[in-house]
N, C-alpha and C. Protein backbone atom coordinates (compact mmCIF):
# COMPACT_ATOMS: atom_id res chain seq x y z
N MET A 1 0.82 -1.19 0.00
CA MET A 1 0.00 0.00 0.00
C MET A 1 0.86 1.25 0.00
N SER A 2 0.39 2.29 -0.64
CA SER A 2 1.12 3.53 -0.76
C SER A 2 0.63 4.55 0.26
N ASP A 3 1.58 5.36 0.78
CA ASP A 3 1.23 6.42 1.71
C ASP A 3 0.87 7.70 0.97
N LYS A 4 0.95 7.67 -0.34
CA LYS A 4 0.64 8.86 -1.13
C LYS A 4 -0.86 9.15 -1.08
N PRO A 5 -1.22 10.42 -0.95
CA PRO A 5 -2.64 10.77 -1.01
C PRO A 5 -3.13 10.78 -2.45
N ALA A 6 -4.42 10.78 -2.63
CA ALA A 6 -5.00 10.92 -3.96
C ALA A 6 -5.08 12.41 -4.29
N CYS A 7 -5.03 12.74 -5.55
CA CYS A 7 -5.14 14.13 -5.99
C CYS A 7 -6.51 14.68 -5.58
N PRO A 8 -6.57 15.85 -4.94
CA PRO A 8 -7.86 16.41 -4.55
C PRO A 8 -8.71 16.87 -5.72
N VAL A 9 -8.12 17.02 -6.91
CA VAL A 9 -8.87 17.48 -8.08
C VAL A 9 -9.42 16.31 -8.88
N CYS A 10 -8.54 15.37 -9.26
CA CYS A 10 -8.97 14.28 -10.14
C CYS A 10 -9.01 12.91 -9.46
N SER A 11 -8.59 12.82 -8.22
CA SER A 11 -8.62 11.59 -7.41
C SER A 11 -7.68 10.49 -7.90
N MET A 12 -6.74 10.83 -8.75
CA MET A 12 -5.77 9.83 -9.23
C MET A 12 -4.60 9.73 -8.24
N ASN A 13 -3.93 8.58 -8.24
CA ASN A 13 -2.80 8.36 -7.34
C ASN A 13 -1.45 8.47 -8.03
N ASP A 14 -1.43 8.90 -9.27
CA ASP A 14 -0.20 9.03 -10.04
C ASP A 14 0.44 10.39 -9.70
N LEU A 15 1.28 10.39 -8.65
CA LEU A 15 1.82 11.64 -8.13
C LEU A 15 3.33 11.69 -8.21
N ALA A 16 3.85 12.89 -8.38
CA ALA A 16 5.27 13.15 -8.22
C ALA A 16 5.45 13.79 -6.85
N GLU A 17 6.37 13.24 -6.07
CA GLU A 17 6.60 13.77 -4.73
C GLU A 17 7.79 14.72 -4.76
N ARG A 18 7.56 15.94 -4.39
CA ARG A 18 8.62 16.95 -4.26
C ARG A 18 8.92 17.11 -2.77
N ALA A 19 9.96 17.84 -2.45
CA ALA A 19 10.33 18.02 -1.05
C ALA A 19 9.24 18.73 -0.25
N ASP A 20 8.56 19.69 -0.86
CA ASP A 20 7.58 20.48 -0.13
C ASP A 20 6.16 20.37 -0.67
N ARG A 21 5.95 19.58 -1.73
CA ARG A 21 4.61 19.51 -2.31
C ARG A 21 4.44 18.21 -3.10
N TYR A 22 3.18 17.92 -3.43
CA TYR A 22 2.82 16.84 -4.34
C TYR A 22 2.41 17.46 -5.67
N GLU A 23 2.64 16.73 -6.76
CA GLU A 23 2.19 17.17 -8.07
C GLU A 23 1.51 15.99 -8.76
N CYS A 24 0.27 16.20 -9.19
CA CYS A 24 -0.46 15.15 -9.89
C CYS A 24 0.04 15.09 -11.33
N LEU A 25 0.49 13.90 -11.76
CA LEU A 25 1.00 13.74 -13.12
C LEU A 25 -0.13 13.62 -14.14
N THR A 26 -1.35 13.40 -13.66
CA THR A 26 -2.50 13.29 -14.55
C THR A 26 -3.05 14.67 -14.92
N CYS A 27 -3.35 15.50 -13.91
CA CYS A 27 -3.98 16.79 -14.19
C CYS A 27 -3.07 17.99 -13.95
N GLY A 28 -1.92 17.79 -13.29
CA GLY A 28 -0.98 18.87 -13.06
C GLY A 28 -1.22 19.68 -11.80
N HIS A 29 -2.23 19.34 -11.01
CA HIS A 29 -2.53 20.07 -9.77
C HIS A 29 -1.39 19.87 -8.77
N GLU A 30 -1.03 20.95 -8.07
CA GLU A 30 0.00 20.89 -7.03
C GLU A 30 -0.59 21.33 -5.71
N TRP A 31 -0.17 20.69 -4.61
CA TRP A 31 -0.60 21.09 -3.27
C TRP A 31 0.50 20.78 -2.28
N PRO A 32 0.55 21.53 -1.16
CA PRO A 32 1.66 21.37 -0.21
C PRO A 32 1.59 20.04 0.54
N ARG A 33 2.77 19.52 0.86
CA ARG A 33 2.85 18.32 1.68
C ARG A 33 2.67 18.74 3.12
N THR A 34 2.03 17.92 3.89
CA THR A 34 1.91 18.17 5.33
C THR A 34 2.36 16.92 6.05
N SER A 35 3.05 17.12 7.13
CA SER A 35 3.50 15.98 7.92
C SER A 35 2.35 15.51 8.81
N ALA A 36 2.45 14.31 9.31
CA ALA A 36 1.42 13.77 10.20
C ALA A 36 1.34 14.60 11.47
N ALA A 37 2.48 15.10 11.96
CA ALA A 37 2.48 15.92 13.17
C ALA A 37 1.76 17.24 12.92
N ALA A 38 1.98 17.84 11.76
CA ALA A 38 1.31 19.11 11.45
C ALA A 38 -0.18 18.89 11.32
N GLU A 39 -0.61 17.78 10.70
CA GLU A 39 -2.03 17.49 10.57
C GLU A 39 -2.66 17.24 11.93
N ALA A 40 -1.94 16.57 12.83
CA ALA A 40 -2.47 16.31 14.17
C ALA A 40 -2.63 17.61 14.94
N ASP A 41 -1.67 18.54 14.79
CA ASP A 41 -1.78 19.84 15.46
C ASP A 41 -2.97 20.62 14.92
N HIS A 42 -3.20 20.55 13.61
CA HIS A 42 -4.27 21.30 12.98
C HIS A 42 -5.64 20.78 13.41
N GLU A 43 -5.75 19.49 13.64
CA GLU A 43 -7.03 18.89 13.97
C GLU A 43 -7.34 18.96 15.46
N GLY A 44 -6.42 19.42 16.27
CA GLY A 44 -6.64 19.50 17.70
C GLY A 44 -7.65 20.57 18.05
N PRO A 45 -8.17 20.52 19.28
CA PRO A 45 -9.16 21.52 19.68
C PRO A 45 -8.54 22.91 19.76
N ARG A 46 -9.29 23.88 19.32
CA ARG A 46 -8.84 25.26 19.33
C ARG A 46 -9.12 25.86 20.70
N VAL A 47 -8.14 26.54 21.27
CA VAL A 47 -8.30 27.17 22.57
C VAL A 47 -8.47 28.67 22.35
N VAL A 48 -9.59 29.22 22.83
CA VAL A 48 -9.88 30.65 22.71
C VAL A 48 -9.85 31.23 24.12
N LYS A 49 -9.04 32.29 24.29
CA LYS A 49 -8.91 32.92 25.60
C LYS A 49 -9.43 34.34 25.57
N ASP A 50 -10.01 34.77 26.69
CA ASP A 50 -10.54 36.13 26.79
C ASP A 50 -9.42 37.12 27.11
N ALA A 51 -9.77 38.37 27.36
CA ALA A 51 -8.79 39.42 27.62
C ALA A 51 -7.95 39.14 28.86
N ASN A 52 -8.48 38.36 29.81
CA ASN A 52 -7.74 38.05 31.03
C ASN A 52 -7.02 36.71 30.97
N GLY A 53 -7.11 36.01 29.86
CA GLY A 53 -6.43 34.73 29.71
C GLY A 53 -7.26 33.53 30.11
N ASN A 54 -8.54 33.73 30.44
CA ASN A 54 -9.41 32.62 30.79
C ASN A 54 -9.88 31.92 29.52
N VAL A 55 -9.96 30.59 29.56
CA VAL A 55 -10.38 29.82 28.41
C VAL A 55 -11.90 29.93 28.26
N LEU A 56 -12.34 30.23 27.03
CA LEU A 56 -13.77 30.35 26.74
C LEU A 56 -14.29 29.07 26.11
N ALA A 57 -15.58 28.80 26.30
CA ALA A 57 -16.23 27.63 25.71
C ALA A 57 -17.59 28.04 25.16
N ASP A 58 -18.13 27.21 24.26
CA ASP A 58 -19.47 27.47 23.74
C ASP A 58 -20.46 27.56 24.90
N GLY A 59 -21.36 28.55 24.83
CA GLY A 59 -22.39 28.71 25.85
C GLY A 59 -21.99 29.59 27.01
N ASP A 60 -20.75 30.03 27.08
CA ASP A 60 -20.31 30.92 28.16
C ASP A 60 -20.98 32.29 28.04
N ASP A 61 -21.07 32.99 29.16
CA ASP A 61 -21.50 34.38 29.18
C ASP A 61 -20.26 35.24 29.32
N VAL A 62 -20.22 36.35 28.58
CA VAL A 62 -19.06 37.25 28.62
C VAL A 62 -19.52 38.69 28.78
N VAL A 63 -18.57 39.57 29.12
CA VAL A 63 -18.82 40.99 29.27
C VAL A 63 -17.79 41.73 28.42
N LEU A 64 -18.25 42.74 27.68
CA LEU A 64 -17.32 43.56 26.89
C LEU A 64 -16.42 44.37 27.81
N VAL A 65 -15.14 44.48 27.45
CA VAL A 65 -14.20 45.24 28.28
C VAL A 65 -14.05 46.67 27.80
N LYS A 66 -14.56 47.01 26.60
CA LYS A 66 -14.48 48.37 26.09
C LYS A 66 -15.61 48.62 25.10
N ASP A 67 -15.86 49.87 24.79
CA ASP A 67 -16.87 50.21 23.79
C ASP A 67 -16.38 49.74 22.43
N LEU A 68 -17.30 49.19 21.63
CA LEU A 68 -16.95 48.72 20.30
C LEU A 68 -17.90 49.32 19.27
N LYS A 69 -17.33 49.92 18.23
CA LYS A 69 -18.13 50.44 17.13
C LYS A 69 -18.44 49.27 16.20
N LEU A 70 -19.68 49.17 15.78
CA LEU A 70 -20.08 48.09 14.88
C LEU A 70 -19.76 48.47 13.45
N LYS A 71 -19.04 47.59 12.77
CA LYS A 71 -18.68 47.83 11.37
C LYS A 71 -19.93 47.84 10.50
N GLY A 72 -20.01 48.80 9.60
CA GLY A 72 -21.15 48.88 8.70
C GLY A 72 -22.38 49.50 9.34
N SER A 73 -22.20 50.09 10.51
CA SER A 73 -23.32 50.68 11.23
C SER A 73 -22.83 51.94 11.94
N SER A 74 -23.76 52.81 12.30
CA SER A 74 -23.38 54.01 13.04
C SER A 74 -23.49 53.78 14.54
N SER A 75 -23.94 52.61 14.95
CA SER A 75 -24.12 52.34 16.38
C SER A 75 -22.88 51.68 16.97
N SER A 76 -22.88 51.60 18.30
CA SER A 76 -21.80 50.94 19.01
C SER A 76 -22.37 50.17 20.20
N ILE A 77 -21.54 49.31 20.77
CA ILE A 77 -21.92 48.54 21.94
C ILE A 77 -21.05 49.03 23.09
N LYS A 78 -21.65 49.36 24.20
CA LYS A 78 -20.93 49.92 25.34
C LYS A 78 -20.16 48.85 26.10
N GLY A 79 -19.02 49.23 26.64
CA GLY A 79 -18.26 48.36 27.51
C GLY A 79 -19.10 48.01 28.73
N GLY A 80 -18.97 46.80 29.23
CA GLY A 80 -19.77 46.35 30.36
C GLY A 80 -21.04 45.63 29.94
N THR A 81 -21.34 45.62 28.63
CA THR A 81 -22.53 44.91 28.14
C THR A 81 -22.32 43.41 28.31
N LYS A 82 -23.29 42.75 28.94
CA LYS A 82 -23.21 41.30 29.14
C LYS A 82 -23.79 40.59 27.93
N ILE A 83 -23.07 39.61 27.41
CA ILE A 83 -23.49 38.83 26.26
C ILE A 83 -23.63 37.38 26.72
N LYS A 84 -24.80 36.80 26.48
CA LYS A 84 -25.09 35.44 26.95
C LYS A 84 -24.95 34.42 25.84
N ARG A 85 -24.56 33.24 26.20
CA ARG A 85 -24.50 32.07 25.31
C ARG A 85 -23.74 32.32 24.01
N ILE A 86 -22.45 32.55 24.14
CA ILE A 86 -21.62 32.77 22.95
C ILE A 86 -21.39 31.45 22.22
N LYS A 87 -21.01 31.57 20.97
CA LYS A 87 -20.65 30.41 20.16
C LYS A 87 -19.27 30.66 19.58
N LEU A 88 -18.33 29.74 19.79
CA LEU A 88 -16.98 29.87 19.27
C LEU A 88 -16.93 29.36 17.84
N VAL A 89 -16.25 30.13 16.98
CA VAL A 89 -16.15 29.79 15.56
C VAL A 89 -14.71 29.98 15.10
N ASP A 90 -14.37 29.39 13.95
CA ASP A 90 -13.06 29.61 13.35
C ASP A 90 -13.11 30.87 12.51
N GLY A 91 -11.96 31.50 12.34
CA GLY A 91 -11.89 32.70 11.53
C GLY A 91 -11.20 33.82 12.28
N ASP A 92 -11.23 35.02 11.72
CA ASP A 92 -10.56 36.13 12.38
C ASP A 92 -11.35 36.65 13.58
N HIS A 93 -12.64 36.38 13.66
CA HIS A 93 -13.46 36.70 14.83
C HIS A 93 -13.84 35.38 15.47
N GLU A 94 -13.47 35.20 16.73
CA GLU A 94 -13.63 33.90 17.38
C GLU A 94 -15.02 33.67 17.95
N ILE A 95 -15.83 34.74 18.12
CA ILE A 95 -17.10 34.63 18.83
C ILE A 95 -18.27 35.08 17.96
N ASP A 96 -19.31 34.25 17.87
CA ASP A 96 -20.60 34.63 17.29
C ASP A 96 -21.57 34.78 18.44
N CYS A 97 -22.38 35.84 18.41
CA CYS A 97 -23.33 36.06 19.49
C CYS A 97 -24.43 37.01 19.02
N LYS A 98 -25.38 37.25 19.91
CA LYS A 98 -26.44 38.22 19.64
C LYS A 98 -26.44 39.25 20.76
N VAL A 99 -26.57 40.52 20.34
CA VAL A 99 -26.69 41.63 21.28
C VAL A 99 -27.92 42.41 20.88
N ASP A 100 -28.89 42.52 21.77
CA ASP A 100 -30.15 43.21 21.50
C ASP A 100 -30.81 42.68 20.22
N GLY A 101 -30.77 41.36 20.03
CA GLY A 101 -31.41 40.73 18.88
C GLY A 101 -30.64 40.84 17.58
N MET A 102 -29.46 41.46 17.61
CA MET A 102 -28.65 41.64 16.41
C MET A 102 -27.45 40.68 16.45
N ALA A 103 -27.28 39.88 15.42
CA ALA A 103 -26.16 38.93 15.35
C ALA A 103 -24.87 39.69 15.06
N ILE A 104 -23.83 39.46 15.87
CA ILE A 104 -22.53 40.10 15.67
C ILE A 104 -21.42 39.08 15.87
N MET A 105 -20.24 39.44 15.41
CA MET A 105 -19.04 38.63 15.61
C MET A 105 -18.05 39.48 16.40
N LEU A 106 -17.39 38.87 17.38
CA LEU A 106 -16.45 39.58 18.23
C LEU A 106 -15.12 38.86 18.28
N LYS A 107 -14.08 39.62 18.56
CA LYS A 107 -12.78 39.03 18.86
C LYS A 107 -12.71 38.79 20.36
N ALA A 108 -12.10 37.69 20.75
CA ALA A 108 -12.04 37.30 22.15
C ALA A 108 -11.25 38.29 23.00
N GLN A 109 -10.37 39.07 22.39
CA GLN A 109 -9.54 40.01 23.16
C GLN A 109 -10.37 41.15 23.74
N PHE A 110 -11.62 41.33 23.27
CA PHE A 110 -12.46 42.42 23.75
C PHE A 110 -13.51 41.99 24.76
N VAL A 111 -13.43 40.76 25.23
CA VAL A 111 -14.41 40.27 26.22
C VAL A 111 -13.69 39.63 27.39
N LYS A 112 -14.41 39.55 28.52
CA LYS A 112 -13.93 38.77 29.66
C LYS A 112 -15.06 37.88 30.11
N LYS A 113 -14.69 36.73 30.66
CA LYS A 113 -15.68 35.75 31.10
C LYS A 113 -16.49 36.34 32.24
N ALA A 114 -17.81 36.17 32.19
CA ALA A 114 -18.69 36.72 33.22
C ALA A 114 -18.76 35.79 34.43
C-alpha cells in the first residue's frame, strides 16, 4: 500500500513527490505536503482565551471590556454589556453572538468571562 494521497482534483494516485509539495502527473494540480504531526496539530481543539487569559467555551456568558463600534453601522456597543450564550467559531473573529437581537461577531480580546 502507498502512503501517497490521492489528488484532490482528479482523485488519481499518479503523483510526483517533491520536497515540499505533491504534483499530480495526470492533471498537473500541485498542493503542499503536510506531515502527520502538522495534521495532528491542525485537527486538535482550538483554545480561545478572553482578555484576562481565561479559556472560553461554547455557551459561556461574557462581558465587553471596552466600547466597540459596529462595522457597517453608526451604532456601538458599550463596555460592560453582558453577552449570553456565545458560540466559538473559526476565523478572524472567534465569537458569534447576539446583542439586542442583532447577530454580531467579536474578537475574544475584547471580552472577559462573566
